[in-house]
């Protein structure tokens, strides 16, 4: 489901549709895929739903691989939003 979301978001082999991509990411997140949880959180953060995005990021951090967590934390740090910066620091601390 996460891969379908990426195809739709990027317009690969289909029409580009950010709303539909977000729906696929949510489905993937709800099914337990950590990549889907991260992508769902990213879309929510873009929409300004920071608290819901943070909840999905926490869920992602609880199941993702160490490498993904480190990459996720670096990406989350770049937002500059205090809630995400704090979360990124916690993730990085736990992966060391």
PDB file of N, CA and C in Angstrom:
ATOM      1  N   UNK A   1       0.819  -1.193   0.000  1.00  0.00           N
ATOM      2  CA  UNK A   1       0.000   0.000   0.000  1.00  0.00           C
ATOM      3  C   UNK A   1       0.868   1.264   0.000  1.00  0.00           C
ATOM      4  N   UNK A   2       1.970   1.200   0.738  1.00  0.00           N
ATOM      5  CA  UNK A   2       2.880   2.342   0.766  1.00  0.00           C
ATOM      6  C   UNK A   2       3.471   2.600  -0.623  1.00  0.00           C
ATOM      7  N   UNK A   3       3.820   1.530  -1.326  1.00  0.00           N
ATOM      8  CA  UNK A   3       4.391   1.676  -2.668  1.00  0.00           C
ATOM      9  C   UNK A   3       3.350   2.252  -3.626  1.00  0.00           C
ATOM     10  N   UNK A   4       2.113   1.818  -3.497  1.00  0.00           N
ATOM     11  CA  UNK A   4       1.049   2.391  -4.328  1.00  0.00           C
ATOM     12  C   UNK A   4       0.940   3.888  -4.043  1.00  0.00           C
ATOM     13  N   UNK A   5       1.000   4.257  -2.764  1.00  0.00           N
ATOM     14  CA  UNK A   5       0.970   5.668  -2.399  1.00  0.00           C
ATOM     15  C   UNK A   5       2.082   6.448  -3.067  1.00  0.00           C
ATOM     16  N   UNK A   6       3.288   5.882  -3.087  1.00  0.00           N
ATOM     17  CA  UNK A   6       4.425   6.559  -3.719  1.00  0.00           C
ATOM     18  C   UNK A   6       4.197   6.718  -5.222  1.00  0.00           C
ATOM     19  N   UNK A   7       3.680   5.661  -5.872  1.00  0.00           N
ATOM     20  CA  UNK A   7       3.397   5.740  -7.306  1.00  0.00           C
ATOM     21  C   UNK A   7       2.406   6.865  -7.589  1.00  0.00           C
ATOM     22  N   UNK A   8       1.347   6.930  -6.783  1.00  0.00           N
ATOM     23  CA  UNK A   8       0.319   7.953  -6.992  1.00  0.00           C
ATOM     24  C   UNK A   8       0.868   9.340  -6.665  1.00  0.00           C
ATOM     25  N   UNK A   9       1.651   9.454  -5.601  1.00  0.00           N
ATOM     26  CA  UNK A   9       2.210  10.755  -5.231  1.00  0.00           C
ATOM     27  C   UNK A   9       3.156  11.289  -6.317  1.00  0.00           C
ATOM     28  N   UNK A  10       3.964  10.404  -6.873  1.00  0.00           N
ATOM     29  CA  UNK A  10       4.948  10.814  -7.882  1.00  0.00           C
ATOM     30  C   UNK A  10       4.385  10.827  -9.304  1.00  0.00           C
ATOM     31  N   UNK A  11       3.229  10.212  -9.506  1.00  0.00           N
ATOM     32  CA  UNK A  11       2.644  10.157 -10.843  1.00  0.00           C
ATOM     33  C   UNK A  11       3.305   9.123 -11.737  1.00  0.00           C
ATOM     34  N   UNK A  12       3.823   8.055 -11.128  1.00  0.00           N
ATOM     35  CA  UNK A  12       4.448   6.982 -11.896  1.00  0.00           C
ATOM     36  C   UNK A  12       3.366   6.030 -12.394  1.00  0.00           C
ATOM     37  N   UNK A  13       3.238   5.914 -13.704  1.00  0.00           N
ATOM     38  CA  UNK A  13       2.281   5.001 -14.331  1.00  0.00           C
ATOM     39  C   UNK A  13       0.825   5.331 -14.020  1.00  0.00           C
ATOM     40  N   UNK A  14       0.574   6.510 -13.469  1.00  0.00           N
ATOM     41  CA  UNK A  14      -0.786   6.929 -13.106  1.00  0.00           C
ATOM     42  C   UNK A  14      -0.803   8.446 -12.996  1.00  0.00           C
ATOM     43  N   UNK A  15      -1.949   8.993 -12.789  1.00  0.00           N
ATOM     44  CA  UNK A  15      -2.045  10.435 -12.574  1.00  0.00           C
ATOM     45  C   UNK A  15      -1.535  10.781 -11.184  1.00  0.00           C
ATOM     46  N   UNK A  16      -0.828  11.890 -11.075  1.00  0.00           N
ATOM     47  CA  UNK A  16      -0.326  12.354  -9.787  1.00  0.00           C
ATOM     48  C   UNK A  16      -1.491  12.881  -8.965  1.00  0.00           C
ATOM     49  N   UNK A  17      -1.600  12.396  -7.727  1.00  0.00           N
ATOM     50  CA  UNK A  17      -2.721  12.774  -6.870  1.00  0.00           C
ATOM     51  C   UNK A  17      -2.282  12.712  -5.409  1.00  0.00           C
ATOM     52  N   UNK A  18      -1.994  13.848  -4.828  1.00  0.00           N
ATOM     53  CA  UNK A  18      -1.498  13.923  -3.455  1.00  0.00           C
ATOM     54  C   UNK A  18      -2.529  13.448  -2.437  1.00  0.00           C
ATOM     55  N   UNK A  19      -3.785  13.737  -2.671  1.00  0.00           N
ATOM     56  CA  UNK A  19      -4.853  13.324  -1.744  1.00  0.00           C
ATOM     57  C   UNK A  19      -4.998  11.806  -1.737  1.00  0.00           C
ATOM     58  N   UNK A  20      -5.001  11.214  -2.908  1.00  0.00           N
ATOM     59  CA  UNK A  20      -5.104   9.763  -3.002  1.00  0.00           C
ATOM     60  C   UNK A  20      -3.857   9.098  -2.423  1.00  0.00           C
ATOM     61  N   UNK A  21      -2.695   9.688  -2.651  1.00  0.00           N
ATOM     62  CA  UNK A  21      -1.451   9.155  -2.083  1.00  0.00           C
ATOM     63  C   UNK A  21      -1.533   9.140  -0.556  1.00  0.00           C
ATOM     64  N   UNK A  22      -2.030  10.229   0.020  1.00  0.00           N
ATOM     65  CA  UNK A  22      -2.166  10.311   1.475  1.00  0.00           C
ATOM     66  C   UNK A  22      -3.090   9.213   1.994  1.00  0.00           C
ATOM     67  N   UNK A  23      -4.137   8.905   1.237  1.00  0.00           N
ATOM     68  CA  UNK A  23      -5.052   7.833   1.626  1.00  0.00           C
ATOM     69  C   UNK A  23      -4.338   6.479   1.629  1.00  0.00           C
ATOM     70  N   UNK A  24      -3.537   6.226   0.609  1.00  0.00           N
ATOM     71  CA  UNK A  24      -2.778   4.975   0.562  1.00  0.00           C
ATOM     72  C   UNK A  24      -1.753   4.911   1.686  1.00  0.00           C
ATOM     73  N   UNK A  25      -1.102   6.023   1.984  1.00  0.00           N
ATOM     74  CA  UNK A  25      -0.148   6.045   3.090  1.00  0.00           C
ATOM     75  C   UNK A  25      -0.848   5.747   4.417  1.00  0.00           C
ATOM     76  N   UNK A  26      -2.025   6.316   4.605  1.00  0.00           N
ATOM     77  CA  UNK A  26      -2.774   6.052   5.844  1.00  0.00           C
ATOM     78  C   UNK A  26      -3.140   4.573   5.942  1.00  0.00           C
ATOM     79  N   UNK A  27      -3.586   4.003   4.845  1.00  0.00           N
ATOM     80  CA  UNK A  27      -3.921   2.576   4.859  1.00  0.00           C
ATOM     81  C   UNK A  27      -2.699   1.735   5.236  1.00  0.00           C
ATOM     82  N   UNK A  28      -1.570   2.072   4.655  1.00  0.00           N
ATOM     83  CA  UNK A  28      -0.325   1.373   4.946  1.00  0.00           C
ATOM     84  C   UNK A  28       0.066   1.551   6.413  1.00  0.00           C
ATOM     85  N   UNK A  29      -0.071   2.767   6.908  1.00  0.00           N
ATOM     86  CA  UNK A  29       0.245   3.059   8.309  1.00  0.00           C
ATOM     87  C   UNK A  29      -0.640   2.252   9.240  1.00  0.00           C
ATOM     88  N   UNK A  30      -1.919   2.236   8.955  1.00  0.00           N
ATOM     89  CA  UNK A  30      -2.869   1.514   9.803  1.00  0.00           C
ATOM     90  C   UNK A  30      -2.622   0.005   9.770  1.00  0.00           C
ATOM     91  N   UNK A  31      -2.037  -0.484   8.665  1.00  0.00           N
ATOM     92  CA  UNK A  31      -1.716  -1.910   8.548  1.00  0.00           C
ATOM     93  C   UNK A  31      -0.410  -2.258   9.265  1.00  0.00           C
ATOM     94  N   UNK A  32       0.303  -1.232   9.758  1.00  0.00           N
ATOM     95  CA  UNK A  32       1.502  -1.480  10.542  1.00  0.00           C
ATOM     96  C   UNK A  32       2.825  -1.295   9.835  1.00  0.00           C
ATOM     97  N   UNK A  33       2.818  -0.828   8.591  1.00  0.00           N
ATOM     98  CA  UNK A  33       4.069  -0.624   7.857  1.00  0.00           C
ATOM     99  C   UNK A  33       4.758   0.651   8.321  1.00  0.00           C
ATOM    100  N   UNK A  34       6.000   0.535   8.814  1.00  0.00           N
ATOM    101  CA  UNK A  34       6.673   1.716   9.356  1.00  0.00           C
ATOM    102  C   UNK A  34       6.957   2.758   8.284  1.00  0.00           C
ATOM    103  N   UNK A  35       7.192   2.343   7.056  1.00  0.00           N
ATOM    104  CA  UNK A  35       7.412   3.324   5.986  1.00  0.00           C
ATOM    105  C   UNK A  35       6.112   4.078   5.688  1.00  0.00           C
ATOM    106  N   UNK A  36       5.010   3.360   5.689  1.00  0.00           N
ATOM    107  CA  UNK A  36       3.706   3.993   5.519  1.00  0.00           C
ATOM    108  C   UNK A  36       3.396   4.945   6.654  1.00  0.00           C
ATOM    109  N   UNK A  37       3.797   4.576   7.869  1.00  0.00           N
ATOM    110  CA  UNK A  37       3.577   5.449   9.020  1.00  0.00           C
ATOM    111  C   UNK A  37       4.373   6.743   8.868  1.00  0.00           C
ATOM    112  N   UNK A  38       5.606   6.620   8.401  1.00  0.00           N
ATOM    113  CA  UNK A  38       6.418   7.814   8.186  1.00  0.00           C
ATOM    114  C   UNK A  38       5.820   8.692   7.090  1.00  0.00           C
ATOM    115  N   UNK A  39       5.433   8.086   5.971  1.00  0.00           N
ATOM    116  CA  UNK A  39       4.868   8.869   4.869  1.00  0.00           C
ATOM    117  C   UNK A  39       3.534   9.493   5.247  1.00  0.00           C
ATOM    118  N   UNK A  40       2.722   8.764   6.003  1.00  0.00           N
ATOM    119  CA  UNK A  40       1.456   9.313   6.492  1.00  0.00           C
ATOM    120  C   UNK A  40       1.733  10.519   7.383  1.00  0.00           C
ATOM    121  N   UNK A  41       2.696  10.372   8.284  1.00  0.00           N
ATOM    122  CA  UNK A  41       3.073  11.476   9.172  1.00  0.00           C
ATOM    123  C   UNK A  41       3.567  12.675   8.382  1.00  0.00           C
ATOM    124  N   UNK A  42       4.338  12.425   7.353  1.00  0.00           N
ATOM    125  CA  UNK A  42       4.858  13.523   6.523  1.00  0.00           C
ATOM    126  C   UNK A  42       3.731  14.303   5.873  1.00  0.00           C
ATOM    127  N   UNK A  43       2.762  13.587   5.338  1.00  0.00           N
ATOM    128  CA  UNK A  43       1.612  14.250   4.708  1.00  0.00           C
ATOM    129  C   UNK A  43       0.812  15.046   5.736  1.00  0.00           C
ATOM    130  N   UNK A  44       0.606  14.472   6.913  1.00  0.00           N
ATOM    131  CA  UNK A  44      -0.130  15.176   7.964  1.00  0.00           C
ATOM    132  C   UNK A  44       0.609  16.431   8.403  1.00  0.00           C
ATOM    133  N   UNK A  45       1.924  16.347   8.528  1.00  0.00           N
ATOM    134  CA  UNK A  45       2.717  17.515   8.921  1.00  0.00           C
ATOM    135  C   UNK A  45       2.626  18.612   7.858  1.00  0.00           C
ATOM    136  N   UNK A  46       2.624  18.217   6.587  1.00  0.00           N
ATOM    137  CA  UNK A  46       2.471  19.193   5.495  1.00  0.00           C
ATOM    138  C   UNK A  46       1.146  19.933   5.610  1.00  0.00           C
ATOM    139  N   UNK A  47       0.122  19.250   6.122  1.00  0.00           N
ATOM    140  CA  UNK A  47      -1.214  19.831   6.269  1.00  0.00           C
ATOM    141  C   UNK A  47      -1.374  20.595   7.582  1.00  0.00           C
ATOM    142  N   UNK A  48      -0.328  20.561   8.420  1.00  0.00           N
ATOM    143  CA  UNK A  48      -0.392  21.269   9.693  1.00  0.00           C
ATOM    144  C   UNK A  48      -0.962  20.466  10.842  1.00  0.00           C
ATOM    145  N   UNK A  49      -1.184  19.177  10.634  1.00  0.00           N
ATOM    146  CA  UNK A  49      -1.709  18.302  11.684  1.00  0.00           C
ATOM    147  C   UNK A  49      -0.545  17.690  12.463  1.00  0.00           C
ATOM    148  N   UNK A  50       0.186  18.566  13.172  1.00  0.00           N
ATOM    149  CA  UNK A  50       1.422  18.140  13.825  1.00  0.00           C
ATOM    150  C   UNK A  50       1.222  17.090  14.909  1.00  0.00           C
ATOM    151  N   UNK A  51       0.165  17.190  15.696  1.00  0.00           N
ATOM    152  CA  UNK A  51      -0.023  16.214  16.777  1.00  0.00           C
ATOM    153  C   UNK A  51      -0.330  14.827  16.225  1.00  0.00           C
ATOM    154  N   UNK A  52      -1.138  14.761  15.189  1.00  0.00           N
ATOM    155  CA  UNK A  52      -1.432  13.464  14.564  1.00  0.00           C
ATOM    156  C   UNK A  52      -0.183  12.919  13.864  1.00  0.00           C
ATOM    157  N   UNK A  53       0.573  13.807  13.228  1.00  0.00           N
ATOM    158  CA  UNK A  53       1.819  13.396  12.588  1.00  0.00           C
ATOM    159  C   UNK A  53       2.792  12.839  13.622  1.00  0.00           C
ATOM    160  N   UNK A  54       2.890  13.506  14.765  1.00  0.00           N
ATOM    161  CA  UNK A  54       3.796  13.053  15.823  1.00  0.00           C
ATOM    162  C   UNK A  54       3.390  11.668  16.332  1.00  0.00           C
ATOM    163  N   UNK A  55       2.103  11.410  16.418  1.00  0.00           N
ATOM    164  CA  UNK A  55       1.637  10.093  16.869  1.00  0.00           C
ATOM    165  C   UNK A  55       2.083   9.003  15.896  1.00  0.00           C
ATOM    166  N   UNK A  56       1.969   9.274  14.601  1.00  0.00           N
ATOM    167  CA  UNK A  56       2.412   8.288  13.614  1.00  0.00           C
ATOM    168  C   UNK A  56       3.928   8.134  13.626  1.00  0.00           C
ATOM    169  N   UNK A  57       4.650   9.220  13.851  1.00  0.00           N
ATOM    170  CA  UNK A  57       6.111   9.133  13.933  1.00  0.00           C
ATOM    171  C   UNK A  57       6.533   8.286  15.135  1.00  0.00           C
ATOM    172  N   UNK A  58       5.843   8.442  16.258  1.00  0.00           N
ATOM    173  CA  UNK A  58       6.147   7.616  17.429  1.00  0.00           C
ATOM    174  C   UNK A  58       5.910   6.136  17.127  1.00  0.00           C
ATOM    175  N   UNK A  59       4.806   5.868  16.464  1.00  0.00           N
ATOM    176  CA  UNK A  59       4.499   4.485  16.085  1.00  0.00           C
ATOM    177  C   UNK A  59       5.572   3.950  15.147  1.00  0.00           C
ATOM    178  N   UNK A  60       5.961   4.737  14.184  1.00  0.00           N
ATOM    179  CA  UNK A  60       7.005   4.351  13.231  1.00  0.00           C
ATOM    180  C   UNK A  60       8.308   4.038  13.971  1.00  0.00           C
ATOM    181  N   UNK A  61       8.679   4.902  14.897  1.00  0.00           N
ATOM    182  CA  UNK A  61       9.926   4.729  15.635  1.00  0.00           C
ATOM    183  C   UNK A  61       9.916   3.459  16.490  1.00  0.00           C
ATOM    184  N   UNK A  62       8.735   2.983  16.842  1.00  0.00           N
ATOM    185  CA  UNK A  62       8.664   1.788  17.681  1.00  0.00           C
ATOM    186  C   UNK A  62       8.880   0.498  16.895  1.00  0.00           C
ATOM    187  N   UNK A  63       8.761   0.551  15.563  1.00  0.00           N
ATOM    188  CA  UNK A  63       8.874  -0.678  14.770  1.00  0.00           C
ATOM    189  C   UNK A  63       9.900  -0.614  13.651  1.00  0.00           C
ATOM    190  N   UNK A  64      10.383   0.561  13.321  1.00  0.00           N
ATOM    191  CA  UNK A  64      11.307   0.723  12.181  1.00  0.00           C
ATOM    192  C   UNK A  64      12.671   0.127  12.482  1.00  0.00           C
ATOM    193  N   UNK A  65      13.408  -0.147  11.429  1.00  0.00           N
ATOM    194  CA  UNK A  65      14.780  -0.610  11.578  1.00  0.00           C
ATOM    195  C   UNK A  65      15.646   0.544  12.086  1.00  0.00           C
ATOM    196  N   UNK A  66      16.794   0.228  12.636  1.00  0.00           N
ATOM    197  CA  UNK A  66      17.685   1.271  13.166  1.00  0.00           C
ATOM    198  C   UNK A  66      18.091   2.243  12.067  1.00  0.00           C
ATOM    199  N   UNK A  67      18.436   1.734  10.905  1.00  0.00           N
ATOM    200  CA  UNK A  67      18.829   2.607   9.793  1.00  0.00           C
ATOM    201  C   UNK A  67      17.718   3.551   9.383  1.00  0.00           C
ATOM    202  N   UNK A  68      16.494   3.033   9.323  1.00  0.00           N
ATOM    203  CA  UNK A  68      15.362   3.879   8.957  1.00  0.00           C
ATOM    204  C   UNK A  68      15.122   4.933  10.031  1.00  0.00           C
ATOM    205  N   UNK A  69      15.242   4.542  11.294  1.00  0.00           N
ATOM    206  CA  UNK A  69      15.048   5.497  12.387  1.00  0.00           C
ATOM    207  C   UNK A  69      16.038   6.651  12.294  1.00  0.00           C
ATOM    208  N   UNK A  70      17.285   6.330  11.974  1.00  0.00           N
ATOM    209  CA  UNK A  70      18.297   7.374  11.861  1.00  0.00           C
ATOM    210  C   UNK A  70      17.988   8.321  10.705  1.00  0.00           C
ATOM    211  N   UNK A  71      17.591   7.773   9.574  1.00  0.00           N
ATOM    212  CA  UNK A  71      17.218   8.600   8.425  1.00  0.00           C
ATOM    213  C   UNK A  71      15.975   9.421   8.739  1.00  0.00           C
ATOM    214  N   UNK A  72      14.998   8.783   9.382  1.00  0.00           N
ATOM    215  CA  UNK A  72      13.770   9.470   9.764  1.00  0.00           C
ATOM    216  C   UNK A  72      14.082  10.645  10.680  1.00  0.00           C
ATOM    217  N   UNK A  73      14.920  10.417  11.671  1.00  0.00           N
ATOM    218  CA  UNK A  73      15.264  11.474  12.614  1.00  0.00           C
ATOM    219  C   UNK A  73      15.933  12.650  11.904  1.00  0.00           C
ATOM    220  N   UNK A  74      16.823  12.365  10.975  1.00  0.00           N
ATOM    221  CA  UNK A  74      17.475  13.440  10.227  1.00  0.00           C
ATOM    222  C   UNK A  74      16.453  14.248   9.418  1.00  0.00           C
ATOM    223  N   UNK A  75      15.519  13.557   8.783  1.00  0.00           N
ATOM    224  CA  UNK A  75      14.475  14.246   8.010  1.00  0.00           C
ATOM    225  C   UNK A  75      13.562  15.070   8.910  1.00  0.00           C
ATOM    226  N   UNK A  76      13.217  14.515  10.061  1.00  0.00           N
ATOM    227  CA  UNK A  76      12.329  15.199  10.999  1.00  0.00           C
ATOM    228  C   UNK A  76      13.009  16.435  11.584  1.00  0.00           C
ATOM    229  N   UNK A  77      14.309  16.343  11.842  1.00  0.00           N
ATOM    230  CA  UNK A  77      15.055  17.500  12.352  1.00  0.00           C
ATOM    231  C   UNK A  77      14.959  18.693  11.412  1.00  0.00           C
ATOM    232  N   UNK A  78      14.935  18.432  10.126  1.00  0.00           N
ATOM    233  CA  UNK A  78      14.924  19.501   9.122  1.00  0.00           C
ATOM    234  C   UNK A  78      13.646  20.326   9.133  1.00  0.00           C
ATOM    235  N   UNK A  79      12.592  19.826   9.769  1.00  0.00           N
ATOM    236  CA  UNK A  79      11.349  20.605   9.824  1.00  0.00           C
ATOM    237  C   UNK A  79      11.522  21.844  10.683  1.00  0.00           C
ATOM    238  N   UNK A  80      12.384  21.744  11.699  1.00  0.00           N
ATOM    239  CA  UNK A  80      12.591  22.859  12.615  1.00  0.00           C
ATOM    240  C   UNK A  80      11.471  23.046  13.628  1.00  0.00           C
ATOM    241  N   UNK A  81      10.418  22.250  13.543  1.00  0.00           N
ATOM    242  CA  UNK A  81       9.298  22.367  14.479  1.00  0.00           C
ATOM    243  C   UNK A  81       9.701  21.718  15.796  1.00  0.00           C
ATOM    244  N   UNK A  82       9.539  22.431  16.919  1.00  0.00           N
ATOM    245  CA  UNK A  82      10.008  21.926  18.216  1.00  0.00           C
ATOM    246  C   UNK A  82       9.543  20.511  18.561  1.00  0.00           C
ATOM    247  N   UNK A  83       8.289  20.193  18.302  1.00  0.00           N
ATOM    248  CA  UNK A  83       7.780  18.860  18.650  1.00  0.00           C
ATOM    249  C   UNK A  83       8.542  17.783  17.881  1.00  0.00           C
ATOM    250  N   UNK A  84       8.877  18.056  16.639  1.00  0.00           N
ATOM    251  CA  UNK A  84       9.580  17.071  15.819  1.00  0.00           C
ATOM    252  C   UNK A  84      11.070  17.048  16.132  1.00  0.00           C
ATOM    253  N   UNK A  85      11.634  18.191  16.446  1.00  0.00           N
ATOM    254  CA  UNK A  85      13.054  18.249  16.794  1.00  0.00           C
ATOM    255  C   UNK A  85      13.304  17.438  18.067  1.00  0.00           C
ATOM    256  N   UNK A  86      12.429  17.597  19.056  1.00  0.00           N
ATOM    257  CA  UNK A  86      12.558  16.840  20.295  1.00  0.00           C
ATOM    258  C   UNK A  86      12.437  15.340  20.025  1.00  0.00           C
ATOM    259  N   UNK A  87      11.477  14.976  19.200  1.00  0.00           N
ATOM    260  CA  UNK A  87      11.269  13.575  18.861  1.00  0.00           C
ATOM    261  C   UNK A  87      12.487  13.005  18.138  1.00  0.00           C
ATOM    262  N   UNK A  88      13.043  13.758  17.217  1.00  0.00           N
ATOM    263  CA  UNK A  88      14.229  13.309  16.474  1.00  0.00           C
ATOM    264  C   UNK A  88      15.398  13.076  17.419  1.00  0.00           C
ATOM    265  N   UNK A  89      15.580  13.986  18.363  1.00  0.00           N
ATOM    266  CA  UNK A  89      16.661  13.832  19.327  1.00  0.00           C
ATOM    267  C   UNK A  89      16.490  12.554  20.143  1.00  0.00           C
ATOM    268  N   UNK A  90      15.258  12.271  20.561  1.00  0.00           N
ATOM    269  CA  UNK A  90      14.992  11.059  21.329  1.00  0.00           C
ATOM    270  C   UNK A  90      15.270   9.812  20.489  1.00  0.00           C
ATOM    271  N   UNK A  91      14.865   9.842  19.236  1.00  0.00           N
ATOM    272  CA  UNK A  91      15.087   8.692  18.348  1.00  0.00           C
ATOM    273  C   UNK A  91      16.584   8.463  18.154  1.00  0.00           C
ATOM    274  N   UNK A  92      17.308   9.527  17.885  1.00  0.00           N
ATOM    275  CA  UNK A  92      18.753   9.402  17.679  1.00  0.00           C
ATOM    276  C   UNK A  92      19.444   8.898  18.938  1.00  0.00           C
ATOM    277  N   UNK A  93      19.012   9.364  20.092  1.00  0.00           N
ATOM    278  CA  UNK A  93      19.600   8.932  21.351  1.00  0.00           C
ATOM    279  C   UNK A  93      19.387   7.420  21.552  1.00  0.00           C
ATOM    280  N   UNK A  94      18.224   6.938  21.229  1.00  0.00           N
ATOM    281  CA  UNK A  94      17.905   5.521  21.422  1.00  0.00           C
ATOM    282  C   UNK A  94      18.593   4.602  20.419  1.00  0.00           C
ATOM    283  N   UNK A  95      19.004   5.126  19.264  1.00  0.00           N
ATOM    284  CA  UNK A  95      19.639   4.282  18.246  1.00  0.00           C
ATOM    285  C   UNK A  95      21.150   4.213  18.421  1.00  0.00           C
ATOM    286  N   UNK A  96      21.692   4.890  19.382  1.00  0.00           N
ATOM    287  CA  UNK A  96      23.147   4.873  19.599  1.00  0.00           C
ATOM    288  C   UNK A  96      23.537   3.865  20.630  1.00  0.00           C
TER     289      UNK A  96
END
